[in-house]
C-alpha atoms as a PDB file:
ATOM      1  CA  UNK A   1      72.904  31.309 118.921  1.00  0.00           C
ATOM      2  CA  UNK A   2      74.205  33.149 121.946  1.00  0.00           C
ATOM      3  CA  UNK A   3      72.234  36.264 122.815  1.00  0.00           C
ATOM      4  CA  UNK A   4      75.347  38.464 122.803  1.00  0.00           C
ATOM      5  CA  UNK A   5      76.097  37.461 119.202  1.00  0.00           C
ATOM      6  CA  UNK A   6      72.502  38.203 118.193  1.00  0.00           C
ATOM      7  CA  UNK A   7      72.811  41.634 119.805  1.00  0.00           C
ATOM      8  CA  UNK A   8      76.089  42.250 117.985  1.00  0.00           C
ATOM      9  CA  UNK A   9      74.459  41.403 114.652  1.00  0.00           C
ATOM     10  CA  UNK A  10      71.512  43.735 115.307  1.00  0.00           C
ATOM     11  CA  UNK A  11      73.813  46.607 116.287  1.00  0.00           C
ATOM     12  CA  UNK A  12      75.956  45.933 113.219  1.00  0.00           C
ATOM     13  CA  UNK A  13      72.943  46.430 110.980  1.00  0.00           C
ATOM     14  CA  UNK A  14      72.600  50.046 112.163  1.00  0.00           C
ATOM     15  CA  UNK A  15      75.388  50.973 109.745  1.00  0.00           C
ATOM     16  CA  UNK A  16      73.472  49.443 106.821  1.00  0.00           C
ATOM     17  CA  UNK A  17      70.234  51.306 107.493  1.00  0.00           C
ATOM     18  CA  UNK A  18      69.062  53.570 104.684  1.00  0.00           C
ATOM     19  CA  UNK A  19      67.451  56.453 106.545  1.00  0.00           C
ATOM     20  CA  UNK A  20      68.264  59.749 104.754  1.00  0.00           C
ATOM     21  CA  UNK A  21      64.941  61.335 105.795  1.00  0.00           C
ATOM     22  CA  UNK A  22      64.437  60.374 109.446  1.00  0.00           C
ATOM     23  CA  UNK A  23      68.113  59.837 110.335  1.00  0.00           C
ATOM     24  CA  UNK A  24      66.785  57.100 112.645  1.00  0.00           C
ATOM     25  CA  UNK A  25      68.727  53.887 111.941  1.00  0.00           C
ATOM     26  CA  UNK A  26      67.360  50.597 113.235  1.00  0.00           C
ATOM     27  CA  UNK A  27      68.926  47.140 113.007  1.00  0.00           C
ATOM     28  CA  UNK A  28      67.446  43.733 113.718  1.00  0.00           C
ATOM     29  CA  UNK A  29      68.634  40.155 114.102  1.00  0.00           C
ATOM     30  CA  UNK A  30      66.022  37.388 113.984  1.00  0.00           C
ATOM     31  CA  UNK A  31      66.649  33.890 115.324  1.00  0.00           C
ATOM     32  CA  UNK A  32      64.616  31.124 113.724  1.00  0.00           C
ATOM     33  CA  UNK A  33      63.452  27.972 115.494  1.00  0.00           C
ATOM     34  CA  UNK A  34      66.064  25.938 113.571  1.00  0.00           C
ATOM     35  CA  UNK A  35      68.869  28.233 114.818  1.00  0.00           C
ATOM     36  CA  UNK A  36      69.384  30.145 111.588  1.00  0.00           C
ATOM     37  CA  UNK A  37      69.616  33.933 111.834  1.00  0.00           C
ATOM     38  CA  UNK A  38      68.452  36.680 109.483  1.00  0.00           C
ATOM     39  CA  UNK A  39      69.272  40.351 109.804  1.00  0.00           C
ATOM     40  CA  UNK A  40      67.569  43.503 108.612  1.00  0.00           C
ATOM     41  CA  UNK A  41      67.709  47.264 108.713  1.00  0.00           C
ATOM     42  CA  UNK A  42      65.192  49.980 108.035  1.00  0.00           C
ATOM     43  CA  UNK A  43      64.977  51.126 104.433  1.00  0.00           C
ATOM     44  CA  UNK A  44      63.296  54.473 103.835  1.00  0.00           C
ATOM     45  CA  UNK A  45      61.817  55.931 100.692  1.00  0.00           C
ATOM     46  CA  UNK A  46      61.014  59.508  99.704  1.00  0.00           C
ATOM     47  CA  UNK A  47      57.414  58.290  99.567  1.00  0.00           C
ATOM     48  CA  UNK A  48      57.288  57.489 103.294  1.00  0.00           C
ATOM     49  CA  UNK A  49      54.740  54.627 103.273  1.00  0.00           C
ATOM     50  CA  UNK A  50      56.904  52.686 100.818  1.00  0.00           C
ATOM     51  CA  UNK A  51      59.752  52.246 103.317  1.00  0.00           C
ATOM     52  CA  UNK A  52      60.116  49.257 105.601  1.00  0.00           C
ATOM     53  CA  UNK A  53      61.282  48.722 109.163  1.00  0.00           C
ATOM     54  CA  UNK A  54      64.259  46.602 110.209  1.00  0.00           C
ATOM     55  CA  UNK A  55      62.017  44.002 111.824  1.00  0.00           C
ATOM     56  CA  UNK A  56      59.946  43.477 108.689  1.00  0.00           C
ATOM     57  CA  UNK A  57      63.096  43.358 106.559  1.00  0.00           C
ATOM     58  CA  UNK A  58      64.519  40.537 108.706  1.00  0.00           C
ATOM     59  CA  UNK A  59      61.238  38.605 108.843  1.00  0.00           C
ATOM     60  CA  UNK A  60      60.623  39.026 105.104  1.00  0.00           C
ATOM     61  CA  UNK A  61      64.097  37.742 104.298  1.00  0.00           C
ATOM     62  CA  UNK A  62      63.609  34.729 106.559  1.00  0.00           C
ATOM     63  CA  UNK A  63      60.182  33.928 105.106  1.00  0.00           C
ATOM     64  CA  UNK A  64      61.533  34.267 101.560  1.00  0.00           C
ATOM     65  CA  UNK A  65      64.088  31.588 102.523  1.00  0.00           C
ATOM     66  CA  UNK A  66      61.336  29.263 103.782  1.00  0.00           C
ATOM     67  CA  UNK A  67      61.506  30.041 107.511  1.00  0.00           C
ATOM     68  CA  UNK A  68      58.265  30.713 109.356  1.00  0.00           C
ATOM     69  CA  UNK A  69      58.956  29.931 113.020  1.00  0.00           C
ATOM     70  CA  UNK A  70      60.936  32.403 115.085  1.00  0.00           C
ATOM     71  CA  UNK A  71      62.323  32.243 118.616  1.00  0.00           C
ATOM     72  CA  UNK A  72      63.445  35.823 119.204  1.00  0.00           C
ATOM     73  CA  UNK A  73      64.404  39.081 117.600  1.00  0.00           C
ATOM     74  CA  UNK A  74      66.835  41.733 118.783  1.00  0.00           C
ATOM     75  CA  UNK A  75      66.059  45.299 117.696  1.00  0.00           C
ATOM     76  CA  UNK A  76      68.760  47.959 118.063  1.00  0.00           C
ATOM     77  CA  UNK A  77      68.457  51.709 117.649  1.00  0.00           C
ATOM     78  CA  UNK A  78      70.640  54.736 118.314  1.00  0.00           C
ATOM     79  CA  UNK A  79      68.264  55.951 121.001  1.00  0.00           C
ATOM     80  CA  UNK A  80      68.496  56.887 124.665  1.00  0.00           C
ATOM     81  CA  UNK A  81      65.895  54.278 125.683  1.00  0.00           C
ATOM     82  CA  UNK A  82      65.282  50.874 124.065  1.00  0.00           C
ATOM     83  CA  UNK A  83      63.204  51.239 120.915  1.00  0.00           C
ATOM     84  CA  UNK A  84      60.147  48.965 120.713  1.00  0.00           C
ATOM     85  CA  UNK A  85      58.683  47.867 117.362  1.00  0.00           C
ATOM     86  CA  UNK A  86      55.907  49.869 115.738  1.00  0.00           C
ATOM     87  CA  UNK A  87      52.381  48.475 115.551  1.00  0.00           C
ATOM     88  CA  UNK A  88      52.757  47.335 111.955  1.00  0.00           C
ATOM     89  CA  UNK A  89      55.874  45.322 112.829  1.00  0.00           C
ATOM     90  CA  UNK A  90      54.193  43.813 115.871  1.00  0.00           C
ATOM     91  CA  UNK A  91      51.326  42.561 113.707  1.00  0.00           C
ATOM     92  CA  UNK A  92      53.704  41.388 110.963  1.00  0.00           C
ATOM     93  CA  UNK A  93      55.758  39.295 113.413  1.00  0.00           C
ATOM     94  CA  UNK A  94      52.597  38.025 115.132  1.00  0.00           C
ATOM     95  CA  UNK A  95      51.534  36.368 111.877  1.00  0.00           C
ATOM     96  CA  UNK A  96      54.392  33.898 112.204  1.00  0.00           C
ATOM     97  CA  UNK A  97      55.411  33.627 115.872  1.00  0.00           C
ATOM     98  CA  UNK A  98      53.101  35.309 118.378  1.00  0.00           C
ATOM     99  CA  UNK A  99      55.069  33.838 121.288  1.00  0.00           C
ATOM    100  CA  UNK A 100      58.537  34.950 120.192  1.00  0.00           C
ATOM    101  CA  UNK A 101      60.773  37.010 122.466  1.00  0.00           C
ATOM    102  CA  UNK A 102      61.436  40.643 121.520  1.00  0.00           C
ATOM    103  CA  UNK A 103      64.612  42.218 122.883  1.00  0.00           C
ATOM    104  CA  UNK A 104      64.959  45.965 122.384  1.00  0.00           C
ATOM    105  CA  UNK A 105      68.323  47.741 122.743  1.00  0.00           C
ATOM    106  CA  UNK A 106      69.280  51.379 123.215  1.00  0.00           C
ATOM    107  CA  UNK A 107      72.502  52.945 121.999  1.00  0.00           C
ATOM    108  CA  UNK A 108      74.116  52.393 125.418  1.00  0.00           C
ATOM    109  CA  UNK A 109      73.132  48.708 125.435  1.00  0.00           C
ATOM    110  CA  UNK A 110      70.202  49.083 127.835  1.00  0.00           C
ATOM    111  CA  UNK A 111      67.671  46.406 127.007  1.00  0.00           C
ATOM    112  CA  UNK A 112      64.020  45.626 127.506  1.00  0.00           C
ATOM    113  CA  UNK A 113      62.569  42.179 126.924  1.00  0.00           C
ATOM    114  CA  UNK A 114      59.021  41.353 125.983  1.00  0.00           C
ATOM    115  CA  UNK A 115      56.954  38.445 124.785  1.00  0.00           C
ATOM    116  CA  UNK A 116      55.424  39.531 121.474  1.00  0.00           C
ATOM    117  CA  UNK A 117      51.961  38.822 122.910  1.00  0.00           C
ATOM    118  CA  UNK A 118      52.781  41.360 125.620  1.00  0.00           C
ATOM    119  CA  UNK A 119      53.404  44.018 122.945  1.00  0.00           C
ATOM    120  CA  UNK A 120      50.380  42.948 120.879  1.00  0.00           C
ATOM    121  CA  UNK A 121      47.935  41.248 123.249  1.00  0.00           C
ATOM    122  CA  UNK A 122      45.050  40.930 120.790  1.00  0.00           C
ATOM    123  CA  UNK A 123      46.762  40.463 117.453  1.00  0.00           C
ATOM    124  CA  UNK A 124      44.748  39.829 114.317  1.00  0.00           C
ATOM    125  CA  UNK A 125      45.081  36.139 113.408  1.00  0.00           C
ATOM    126  CA  UNK A 126      43.990  33.830 110.640  1.00  0.00           C
ATOM    127  CA  UNK A 127      41.153  32.648 112.891  1.00  0.00           C
ATOM    128  CA  UNK A 128      39.885  36.242 112.809  1.00  0.00           C
ATOM    129  CA  UNK A 129      38.853  35.524 109.220  1.00  0.00           C
ATOM    130  CA  UNK A 130      36.779  32.441 110.080  1.00  0.00           C
ATOM    131  CA  UNK A 131      33.593  34.442 109.682  1.00  0.00           C
ATOM    132  CA  UNK A 132      34.394  34.859 105.979  1.00  0.00           C
ATOM    133  CA  UNK A 133      34.417  31.141 105.084  1.00  0.00           C
END
């Protein structure tokens, strides 16, 4: 998929965000290795820890459809500077595609690009559990 279309999808998800408490909408568009795309938005809950971020919504939807290899994700927010994913999202995405590209967009369209390993250089991996076998 063309990057501009992926950006458009992520920005479009801002309107679907359910954020009555923070008023901080976030949208995401995730491109899988096979070219399929899954979108997500943040979904808050009055019990704050129960909510989920846009990135995890998109990844969870993709995984529930059998996808586990991702090329890139675009994350859009209505912010002055590009909004990078939180630590929990970084670890969640790392589980499936530690080398994926992460593109973060601001409200004005300013972007920052990262390799996920750049955002989470020492992610916890399945091999971290080898001591427990």
